[in-house]
């Protein structure tokens, strides 16, 4: 029997470079990108979810096309109650391999040792991100054995993401974004087509979702970027070089 292959399929003798992988993924549809990545990387592939406002789309794509991929949930201990409830519904009701990782230092201990780091300017926020986001994610990747990370970043989410490629290297980890080029309208159409669950705080007017102390509802005329970290930044730290020599992100 003759075997046929999709025109997008390509064999690599070694790991493709980020620019090669981006070029391969760009013409594909989101689910085809996931399938292609699964073919190339197999058990090295992991995903992450913060169970934010748009989490259902990536979780649905993974559930339909690669349900075996481990999904990392970094629980900072500072999520909104509604986020925990939202995440629990997926853990209970969807057939996904969701794995929860917590910071090595509890929220109570951090409070006692350092105070409210998010109130301590740029350096405090960097330390907060390292303790509560970066260290648990790095540990998760190490324990699972993944070095190719699927994330639901989109270019239209913020000015810091408009220039992102479909694949990029962050230290020793390849990061890939299957819905990077989706506009808000395409995301909304996917929600409606598949009747996906929505984060409870969306109907209250939130435009983006993070920890309770650094995310708020917008005032008139504000964008999602204005509602994170007092408008000083959008990224929580996971999608930037950690600066830690022994970390893989």
C-alpha atoms as a PDB file:
ATOM      1  CA  UNK A   1       0.000   0.000   0.000  1.00  0.00           C
ATOM      2  CA  UNK A   2       1.306   3.407  -0.921  1.00  0.00           C
ATOM      3  CA  UNK A   3       1.663   5.803   2.008  1.00  0.00           C
ATOM      4  CA  UNK A   4       0.744   9.429   1.416  1.00  0.00           C
ATOM      5  CA  UNK A   5       1.848  12.363   3.511  1.00  0.00           C
ATOM      6  CA  UNK A   6       0.510  15.836   4.032  1.00  0.00           C
ATOM      7  CA  UNK A   7       2.417  18.441   1.999  1.00  0.00           C
ATOM      8  CA  UNK A   8       3.231  20.155   5.288  1.00  0.00           C
ATOM      9  CA  UNK A   9       5.029  17.154   6.732  1.00  0.00           C
ATOM     10  CA  UNK A  10       8.794  17.316   6.769  1.00  0.00           C
ATOM     11  CA  UNK A  11      11.443  15.052   8.235  1.00  0.00           C
ATOM     12  CA  UNK A  12      14.314  16.453  10.259  1.00  0.00           C
ATOM     13  CA  UNK A  13      17.495  14.531  10.973  1.00  0.00           C
ATOM     14  CA  UNK A  14      18.087  16.834  13.936  1.00  0.00           C
ATOM     15  CA  UNK A  15      15.844  19.205  15.869  1.00  0.00           C
ATOM     16  CA  UNK A  16      14.676  21.993  13.565  1.00  0.00           C
ATOM     17  CA  UNK A  17      15.879  25.483  14.340  1.00  0.00           C
ATOM     18  CA  UNK A  18      13.206  27.901  15.569  1.00  0.00           C
ATOM     19  CA  UNK A  19      13.053  29.681  12.226  1.00  0.00           C
ATOM     20  CA  UNK A  20      12.699  26.348  10.370  1.00  0.00           C
ATOM     21  CA  UNK A  21       9.923  25.235  12.704  1.00  0.00           C
ATOM     22  CA  UNK A  22       8.133  28.579  12.396  1.00  0.00           C
ATOM     23  CA  UNK A  23       8.233  28.350   8.602  1.00  0.00           C
ATOM     24  CA  UNK A  24       6.832  24.819   8.751  1.00  0.00           C
ATOM     25  CA  UNK A  25       3.982  25.750  11.097  1.00  0.00           C
ATOM     26  CA  UNK A  26       2.929  29.095   9.658  1.00  0.00           C
ATOM     27  CA  UNK A  27       0.806  27.843   6.716  1.00  0.00           C
ATOM     28  CA  UNK A  28      -0.948  25.188   8.816  1.00  0.00           C
ATOM     29  CA  UNK A  29      -4.182  25.351  10.771  1.00  0.00           C
ATOM     30  CA  UNK A  30      -3.929  25.281  14.569  1.00  0.00           C
ATOM     31  CA  UNK A  31      -4.822  21.615  14.969  1.00  0.00           C
ATOM     32  CA  UNK A  32      -2.416  20.683  12.156  1.00  0.00           C
ATOM     33  CA  UNK A  33       0.363  22.515  13.985  1.00  0.00           C
ATOM     34  CA  UNK A  34      -0.289  20.435  17.083  1.00  0.00           C
ATOM     35  CA  UNK A  35      -0.293  17.205  15.082  1.00  0.00           C
ATOM     36  CA  UNK A  36       2.929  18.197  13.309  1.00  0.00           C
ATOM     37  CA  UNK A  37       4.622  18.998  16.631  1.00  0.00           C
ATOM     38  CA  UNK A  38       3.478  15.681  18.066  1.00  0.00           C
ATOM     39  CA  UNK A  39       4.990  13.907  15.069  1.00  0.00           C
ATOM     40  CA  UNK A  40       8.340  15.678  15.453  1.00  0.00           C
ATOM     41  CA  UNK A  41       8.768  15.743  19.233  1.00  0.00           C
ATOM     42  CA  UNK A  42       6.535  12.984  20.621  1.00  0.00           C
ATOM     43  CA  UNK A  43       7.045  12.562  24.396  1.00  0.00           C
ATOM     44  CA  UNK A  44       9.140  15.729  24.642  1.00  0.00           C
ATOM     45  CA  UNK A  45       6.029  17.828  24.112  1.00  0.00           C
ATOM     46  CA  UNK A  46       4.240  19.513  27.032  1.00  0.00           C
ATOM     47  CA  UNK A  47       1.666  22.288  27.275  1.00  0.00           C
ATOM     48  CA  UNK A  48       0.746  24.835  29.909  1.00  0.00           C
ATOM     49  CA  UNK A  49      -2.457  26.531  30.967  1.00  0.00           C
ATOM     50  CA  UNK A  50      -3.123  29.285  33.475  1.00  0.00           C
ATOM     51  CA  UNK A  51      -6.872  28.665  33.082  1.00  0.00           C
ATOM     52  CA  UNK A  52      -7.332  32.259  32.048  1.00  0.00           C
ATOM     53  CA  UNK A  53     -10.049  33.878  29.961  1.00  0.00           C
ATOM     54  CA  UNK A  54      -9.108  32.100  26.725  1.00  0.00           C
ATOM     55  CA  UNK A  55      -7.874  28.799  28.135  1.00  0.00           C
ATOM     56  CA  UNK A  56     -10.747  26.708  26.785  1.00  0.00           C
ATOM     57  CA  UNK A  57      -9.581  27.020  23.172  1.00  0.00           C
ATOM     58  CA  UNK A  58      -6.119  25.498  23.608  1.00  0.00           C
ATOM     59  CA  UNK A  59      -7.440  22.910  26.052  1.00  0.00           C
ATOM     60  CA  UNK A  60     -10.104  21.874  23.545  1.00  0.00           C
ATOM     61  CA  UNK A  61      -7.581  21.646  20.696  1.00  0.00           C
ATOM     62  CA  UNK A  62      -5.310  19.480  22.822  1.00  0.00           C
ATOM     63  CA  UNK A  63      -8.181  17.282  23.999  1.00  0.00           C
ATOM     64  CA  UNK A  64      -9.192  16.577  20.403  1.00  0.00           C
ATOM     65  CA  UNK A  65      -5.781  16.162  18.778  1.00  0.00           C
ATOM     66  CA  UNK A  66      -3.200  15.312  21.460  1.00  0.00           C
ATOM     67  CA  UNK A  67      -4.893  14.418  24.763  1.00  0.00           C
ATOM     68  CA  UNK A  68      -1.811  12.534  25.959  1.00  0.00           C
ATOM     69  CA  UNK A  69       0.271  15.716  26.226  1.00  0.00           C
ATOM     70  CA  UNK A  70       0.910  16.696  29.868  1.00  0.00           C
ATOM     71  CA  UNK A  71      -0.606  20.103  30.678  1.00  0.00           C
ATOM     72  CA  UNK A  72       1.169  22.085  33.381  1.00  0.00           C
ATOM     73  CA  UNK A  73      -0.861  24.329  35.680  1.00  0.00           C
ATOM     74  CA  UNK A  74       1.406  26.546  37.766  1.00  0.00           C
ATOM     75  CA  UNK A  75      -0.714  27.336  40.808  1.00  0.00           C
ATOM     76  CA  UNK A  76       0.851  30.420  42.371  1.00  0.00           C
ATOM     77  CA  UNK A  77      -1.474  30.332  45.367  1.00  0.00           C
ATOM     78  CA  UNK A  78      -2.738  33.779  44.351  1.00  0.00           C
ATOM     79  CA  UNK A  79      -5.297  32.926  41.665  1.00  0.00           C
ATOM     80  CA  UNK A  80      -8.802  34.319  41.851  1.00  0.00           C
ATOM     81  CA  UNK A  81     -11.262  31.866  43.492  1.00  0.00           C
ATOM     82  CA  UNK A  82     -13.096  31.752  40.159  1.00  0.00           C
ATOM     83  CA  UNK A  83      -9.908  30.625  38.409  1.00  0.00           C
ATOM     84  CA  UNK A  84      -9.529  27.702  40.800  1.00  0.00           C
ATOM     85  CA  UNK A  85     -13.162  26.753  40.209  1.00  0.00           C
ATOM     86  CA  UNK A  86     -12.697  27.034  36.453  1.00  0.00           C
ATOM     87  CA  UNK A  87      -9.545  24.879  36.530  1.00  0.00           C
ATOM     88  CA  UNK A  88     -11.252  22.287  38.719  1.00  0.00           C
ATOM     89  CA  UNK A  89     -14.023  21.854  36.168  1.00  0.00           C
ATOM     90  CA  UNK A  90     -11.458  20.850  33.529  1.00  0.00           C
ATOM     91  CA  UNK A  91      -9.597  18.563  35.907  1.00  0.00           C
ATOM     92  CA  UNK A  92     -12.842  16.830  36.840  1.00  0.00           C
ATOM     93  CA  UNK A  93     -14.717  16.761  33.539  1.00  0.00           C
ATOM     94  CA  UNK A  94     -12.208  16.732  30.673  1.00  0.00           C
ATOM     95  CA  UNK A  95      -9.999  13.795  29.761  1.00  0.00           C
ATOM     96  CA  UNK A  96      -6.721  15.681  29.967  1.00  0.00           C
ATOM     97  CA  UNK A  97      -3.411  15.010  31.711  1.00  0.00           C
ATOM     98  CA  UNK A  98      -3.377  18.151  33.873  1.00  0.00           C
ATOM     99  CA  UNK A  99      -0.529  18.340  36.372  1.00  0.00           C
ATOM    100  CA  UNK A 100      -0.470  20.990  39.112  1.00  0.00           C
ATOM    101  CA  UNK A 101       2.809  22.503  40.286  1.00  0.00           C
ATOM    102  CA  UNK A 102       3.110  24.891  43.221  1.00  0.00           C
ATOM    103  CA  UNK A 103       5.907  27.241  44.285  1.00  0.00           C
ATOM    104  CA  UNK A 104       8.543  25.720  46.555  1.00  0.00           C
ATOM    105  CA  UNK A 105       7.821  28.487  49.092  1.00  0.00           C
ATOM    106  CA  UNK A 106       4.196  28.830  50.215  1.00  0.00           C
ATOM    107  CA  UNK A 107       2.308  32.108  49.977  1.00  0.00           C
ATOM    108  CA  UNK A 108       2.199  32.398  53.782  1.00  0.00           C
ATOM    109  CA  UNK A 109       5.949  31.894  54.083  1.00  0.00           C
ATOM    110  CA  UNK A 110       6.633  34.404  51.318  1.00  0.00           C
ATOM    111  CA  UNK A 111       4.459  36.951  53.117  1.00  0.00           C
ATOM    112  CA  UNK A 112       6.366  36.426  56.365  1.00  0.00           C
ATOM    113  CA  UNK A 113       9.817  36.580  54.766  1.00  0.00           C
ATOM    114  CA  UNK A 114       9.400  39.177  52.033  1.00  0.00           C
ATOM    115  CA  UNK A 115       6.096  40.983  52.520  1.00  0.00           C
ATOM    116  CA  UNK A 116       3.938  41.649  49.467  1.00  0.00           C
ATOM    117  CA  UNK A 117       6.484  41.385  46.673  1.00  0.00           C
ATOM    118  CA  UNK A 118       4.041  42.754  44.105  1.00  0.00           C
ATOM    119  CA  UNK A 119       4.025  46.047  46.005  1.00  0.00           C
ATOM    120  CA  UNK A 120       7.805  46.400  45.858  1.00  0.00           C
ATOM    121  CA  UNK A 121       8.350  47.777  42.372  1.00  0.00           C
ATOM    122  CA  UNK A 122      10.213  46.177  39.503  1.00  0.00           C
ATOM    123  CA  UNK A 123      12.615  44.158  41.644  1.00  0.00           C
ATOM    124  CA  UNK A 124       9.812  42.873  43.836  1.00  0.00           C
ATOM    125  CA  UNK A 125       7.824  41.796  40.801  1.00  0.00           C
ATOM    126  CA  UNK A 126      10.856  40.015  39.349  1.00  0.00           C
ATOM    127  CA  UNK A 127      11.364  38.097  42.580  1.00  0.00           C
ATOM    128  CA  UNK A 128       7.656  37.301  42.727  1.00  0.00           C
ATOM    129  CA  UNK A 129       7.710  35.944  39.168  1.00  0.00           C
ATOM    130  CA  UNK A 130      10.799  33.848  39.842  1.00  0.00           C
ATOM    131  CA  UNK A 131       9.362  32.285  43.008  1.00  0.00           C
ATOM    132  CA  UNK A 132       5.786  31.775  41.885  1.00  0.00           C
ATOM    133  CA  UNK A 133       5.906  31.326  38.121  1.00  0.00           C
ATOM    134  CA  UNK A 134       9.339  30.533  36.768  1.00  0.00           C
ATOM    135  CA  UNK A 135      10.705  28.122  39.386  1.00  0.00           C
ATOM    136  CA  UNK A 136       7.585  25.892  39.411  1.00  0.00           C
ATOM    137  CA  UNK A 137       7.445  25.865  35.597  1.00  0.00           C
ATOM    138  CA  UNK A 138      11.115  25.018  35.318  1.00  0.00           C
ATOM    139  CA  UNK A 139      10.673  22.221  37.868  1.00  0.00           C
ATOM    140  CA  UNK A 140       7.644  20.913  35.981  1.00  0.00           C
ATOM    141  CA  UNK A 141       9.532  20.723  32.696  1.00  0.00           C
ATOM    142  CA  UNK A 142      12.429  18.960  34.413  1.00  0.00           C
ATOM    143  CA  UNK A 143      10.265  16.396  36.221  1.00  0.00           C
ATOM    144  CA  UNK A 144       8.120  15.644  33.175  1.00  0.00           C
ATOM    145  CA  UNK A 145      11.099  15.568  30.848  1.00  0.00           C
ATOM    146  CA  UNK A 146       9.687  18.031  28.344  1.00  0.00           C
ATOM    147  CA  UNK A 147      11.700  20.563  26.397  1.00  0.00           C
ATOM    148  CA  UNK A 148       9.114  21.604  23.806  1.00  0.00           C
ATOM    149  CA  UNK A 149       6.409  23.782  25.324  1.00  0.00           C
ATOM    150  CA  UNK A 150       3.015  24.498  23.754  1.00  0.00           C
ATOM    151  CA  UNK A 151       1.481  27.800  24.823  1.00  0.00           C
ATOM    152  CA  UNK A 152      -1.663  29.665  23.818  1.00  0.00           C
ATOM    153  CA  UNK A 153      -0.016  33.063  23.289  1.00  0.00           C
ATOM    154  CA  UNK A 154      -1.531  35.210  20.535  1.00  0.00           C
ATOM    155  CA  UNK A 155      -0.062  38.229  18.808  1.00  0.00           C
ATOM    156  CA  UNK A 156      -3.229  40.273  19.283  1.00  0.00           C
ATOM    157  CA  UNK A 157      -3.114  39.957  23.069  1.00  0.00           C
ATOM    158  CA  UNK A 158      -0.525  42.657  23.694  1.00  0.00           C
ATOM    159  CA  UNK A 159       2.122  44.888  22.148  1.00  0.00           C
ATOM    160  CA  UNK A 160       4.805  42.621  23.642  1.00  0.00           C
ATOM    161  CA  UNK A 161       3.620  39.705  21.508  1.00  0.00           C
ATOM    162  CA  UNK A 162       3.030  41.178  18.055  1.00  0.00           C
ATOM    163  CA  UNK A 163       6.504  40.236  16.793  1.00  0.00           C
ATOM    164  CA  UNK A 164       6.575  36.696  18.141  1.00  0.00           C
ATOM    165  CA  UNK A 165       7.322  33.851  15.760  1.00  0.00           C
ATOM    166  CA  UNK A 166       5.468  30.530  15.876  1.00  0.00           C
ATOM    167  CA  UNK A 167       8.530  28.941  17.486  1.00  0.00           C
ATOM    168  CA  UNK A 168      11.287  30.428  19.589  1.00  0.00           C
ATOM    169  CA  UNK A 169      14.005  29.147  21.859  1.00  0.00           C
ATOM    170  CA  UNK A 170      13.996  30.199  25.514  1.00  0.00           C
ATOM    171  CA  UNK A 171      17.266  28.893  26.910  1.00  0.00           C
ATOM    172  CA  UNK A 172      17.061  25.074  26.540  1.00  0.00           C
ATOM    173  CA  UNK A 173      13.339  24.978  25.775  1.00  0.00           C
ATOM    174  CA  UNK A 174      11.594  25.302  22.418  1.00  0.00           C
ATOM    175  CA  UNK A 175       8.369  27.261  22.822  1.00  0.00           C
ATOM    176  CA  UNK A 176       5.628  26.937  20.222  1.00  0.00           C
ATOM    177  CA  UNK A 177       2.367  28.871  19.779  1.00  0.00           C
ATOM    178  CA  UNK A 178      -0.332  27.024  17.759  1.00  0.00           C
ATOM    179  CA  UNK A 179      -2.897  29.869  17.854  1.00  0.00           C
ATOM    180  CA  UNK A 180      -0.407  32.736  17.634  1.00  0.00           C
ATOM    181  CA  UNK A 181      -2.052  34.263  14.539  1.00  0.00           C
ATOM    182  CA  UNK A 182      -5.654  33.992  15.747  1.00  0.00           C
ATOM    183  CA  UNK A 183      -7.504  37.299  15.981  1.00  0.00           C
ATOM    184  CA  UNK A 184     -10.126  37.854  18.678  1.00  0.00           C
ATOM    185  CA  UNK A 185     -12.930  37.205  16.179  1.00  0.00           C
ATOM    186  CA  UNK A 186     -11.514  33.789  15.254  1.00  0.00           C
ATOM    187  CA  UNK A 187     -11.178  32.889  18.917  1.00  0.00           C
ATOM    188  CA  UNK A 188     -14.768  33.906  19.585  1.00  0.00           C
ATOM    189  CA  UNK A 189     -16.009  31.924  16.584  1.00  0.00           C
ATOM    190  CA  UNK A 190     -14.236  28.812  17.915  1.00  0.00           C
ATOM    191  CA  UNK A 191     -15.848  29.307  21.332  1.00  0.00           C
ATOM    192  CA  UNK A 192     -19.280  29.457  19.772  1.00  0.00           C
ATOM    193  CA  UNK A 193     -18.742  26.604  17.326  1.00  0.00           C
ATOM    194  CA  UNK A 194     -17.733  24.219  20.103  1.00  0.00           C
ATOM    195  CA  UNK A 195     -19.841  25.717  22.916  1.00  0.00           C
ATOM    196  CA  UNK A 196     -16.798  26.002  25.169  1.00  0.00           C
ATOM    197  CA  UNK A 197     -16.947  26.991  28.838  1.00  0.00           C
ATOM    198  CA  UNK A 198     -15.918  30.536  29.712  1.00  0.00           C
ATOM    199  CA  UNK A 199     -14.036  31.853  32.706  1.00  0.00           C
ATOM    200  CA  UNK A 200     -16.580  33.164  35.266  1.00  0.00           C
ATOM    201  CA  UNK A 201     -14.867  36.566  35.491  1.00  0.00           C
ATOM    202  CA  UNK A 202     -15.242  37.281  31.783  1.00  0.00           C
ATOM    203  CA  UNK A 203     -18.882  38.265  32.232  1.00  0.00           C
ATOM    204  CA  UNK A 204     -17.803  40.670  34.985  1.00  0.00           C
ATOM    205  CA  UNK A 205     -15.762  42.624  32.457  1.00  0.00           C
ATOM    206  CA  UNK A 206     -12.221  41.341  32.916  1.00  0.00           C
ATOM    207  CA  UNK A 207     -10.152  41.541  29.727  1.00  0.00           C
ATOM    208  CA  UNK A 208      -7.284  39.334  30.874  1.00  0.00           C
ATOM    209  CA  UNK A 209      -6.544  37.090  33.821  1.00  0.00           C
ATOM    210  CA  UNK A 210      -3.661  36.678  36.240  1.00  0.00           C
ATOM    211  CA  UNK A 211      -3.173  36.689  39.997  1.00  0.00           C
ATOM    212  CA  UNK A 212      -5.745  38.591  42.060  1.00  0.00           C
ATOM    213  CA  UNK A 213      -3.315  41.258  43.260  1.00  0.00           C
ATOM    214  CA  UNK A 214      -2.060  42.263  39.803  1.00  0.00           C
ATOM    215  CA  UNK A 215      -5.180  42.006  37.625  1.00  0.00           C
ATOM    216  CA  UNK A 216      -8.233  44.246  37.656  1.00  0.00           C
ATOM    217  CA  UNK A 217     -11.255  45.133  35.586  1.00  0.00           C
ATOM    218  CA  UNK A 218     -10.688  47.930  33.048  1.00  0.00           C
ATOM    219  CA  UNK A 219     -11.819  51.485  33.387  1.00  0.00           C
ATOM    220  CA  UNK A 220     -13.440  53.177  30.404  1.00  0.00           C
ATOM    221  CA  UNK A 221     -11.145  53.185  27.379  1.00  0.00           C
ATOM    222  CA  UNK A 222      -8.497  50.900  28.885  1.00  0.00           C
ATOM    223  CA  UNK A 223      -6.948  47.903  27.147  1.00  0.00           C
ATOM    224  CA  UNK A 224      -6.023  44.525  28.620  1.00  0.00           C
ATOM    225  CA  UNK A 225      -2.440  45.728  29.016  1.00  0.00           C
ATOM    226  CA  UNK A 226      -3.600  48.579  31.253  1.00  0.00           C
ATOM    227  CA  UNK A 227      -5.170  46.135  33.702  1.00  0.00           C
ATOM    228  CA  UNK A 228      -2.075  44.042  34.446  1.00  0.00           C
ATOM    229  CA  UNK A 229       0.573  45.072  36.997  1.00  0.00           C
ATOM    230  CA  UNK A 230      -0.778  48.599  37.222  1.00  0.00           C
ATOM    231  CA  UNK A 231      -0.182  49.070  33.494  1.00  0.00           C
ATOM    232  CA  UNK A 232       3.595  48.788  33.894  1.00  0.00           C
ATOM    233  CA  UNK A 233       3.904  45.461  32.071  1.00  0.00           C
ATOM    234  CA  UNK A 234       1.866  42.589  30.633  1.00  0.00           C
ATOM    235  CA  UNK A 235       4.104  39.523  30.859  1.00  0.00           C
ATOM    236  CA  UNK A 236       4.144  37.600  34.132  1.00  0.00           C
ATOM    237  CA  UNK A 237       7.705  36.351  33.631  1.00  0.00           C
ATOM    238  CA  UNK A 238       7.154  32.916  32.127  1.00  0.00           C
ATOM    239  CA  UNK A 239       7.669  34.118  28.574  1.00  0.00           C
ATOM    240  CA  UNK A 240      10.940  35.893  29.234  1.00  0.00           C
ATOM    241  CA  UNK A 241      14.434  34.553  29.890  1.00  0.00           C
ATOM    242  CA  UNK A 242      14.604  33.722  33.598  1.00  0.00           C
ATOM    243  CA  UNK A 243      18.212  34.836  33.931  1.00  0.00           C
ATOM    244  CA  UNK A 244      18.879  31.706  35.984  1.00  0.00           C
ATOM    245  CA  UNK A 245      21.920  29.841  34.692  1.00  0.00           C
ATOM    246  CA  UNK A 246      20.710  26.398  35.793  1.00  0.00           C
ATOM    247  CA  UNK A 247      17.137  26.805  34.495  1.00  0.00           C
ATOM    248  CA  UNK A 248      15.934  25.510  31.134  1.00  0.00           C
ATOM    249  CA  UNK A 249      13.634  28.517  30.619  1.00  0.00           C
END
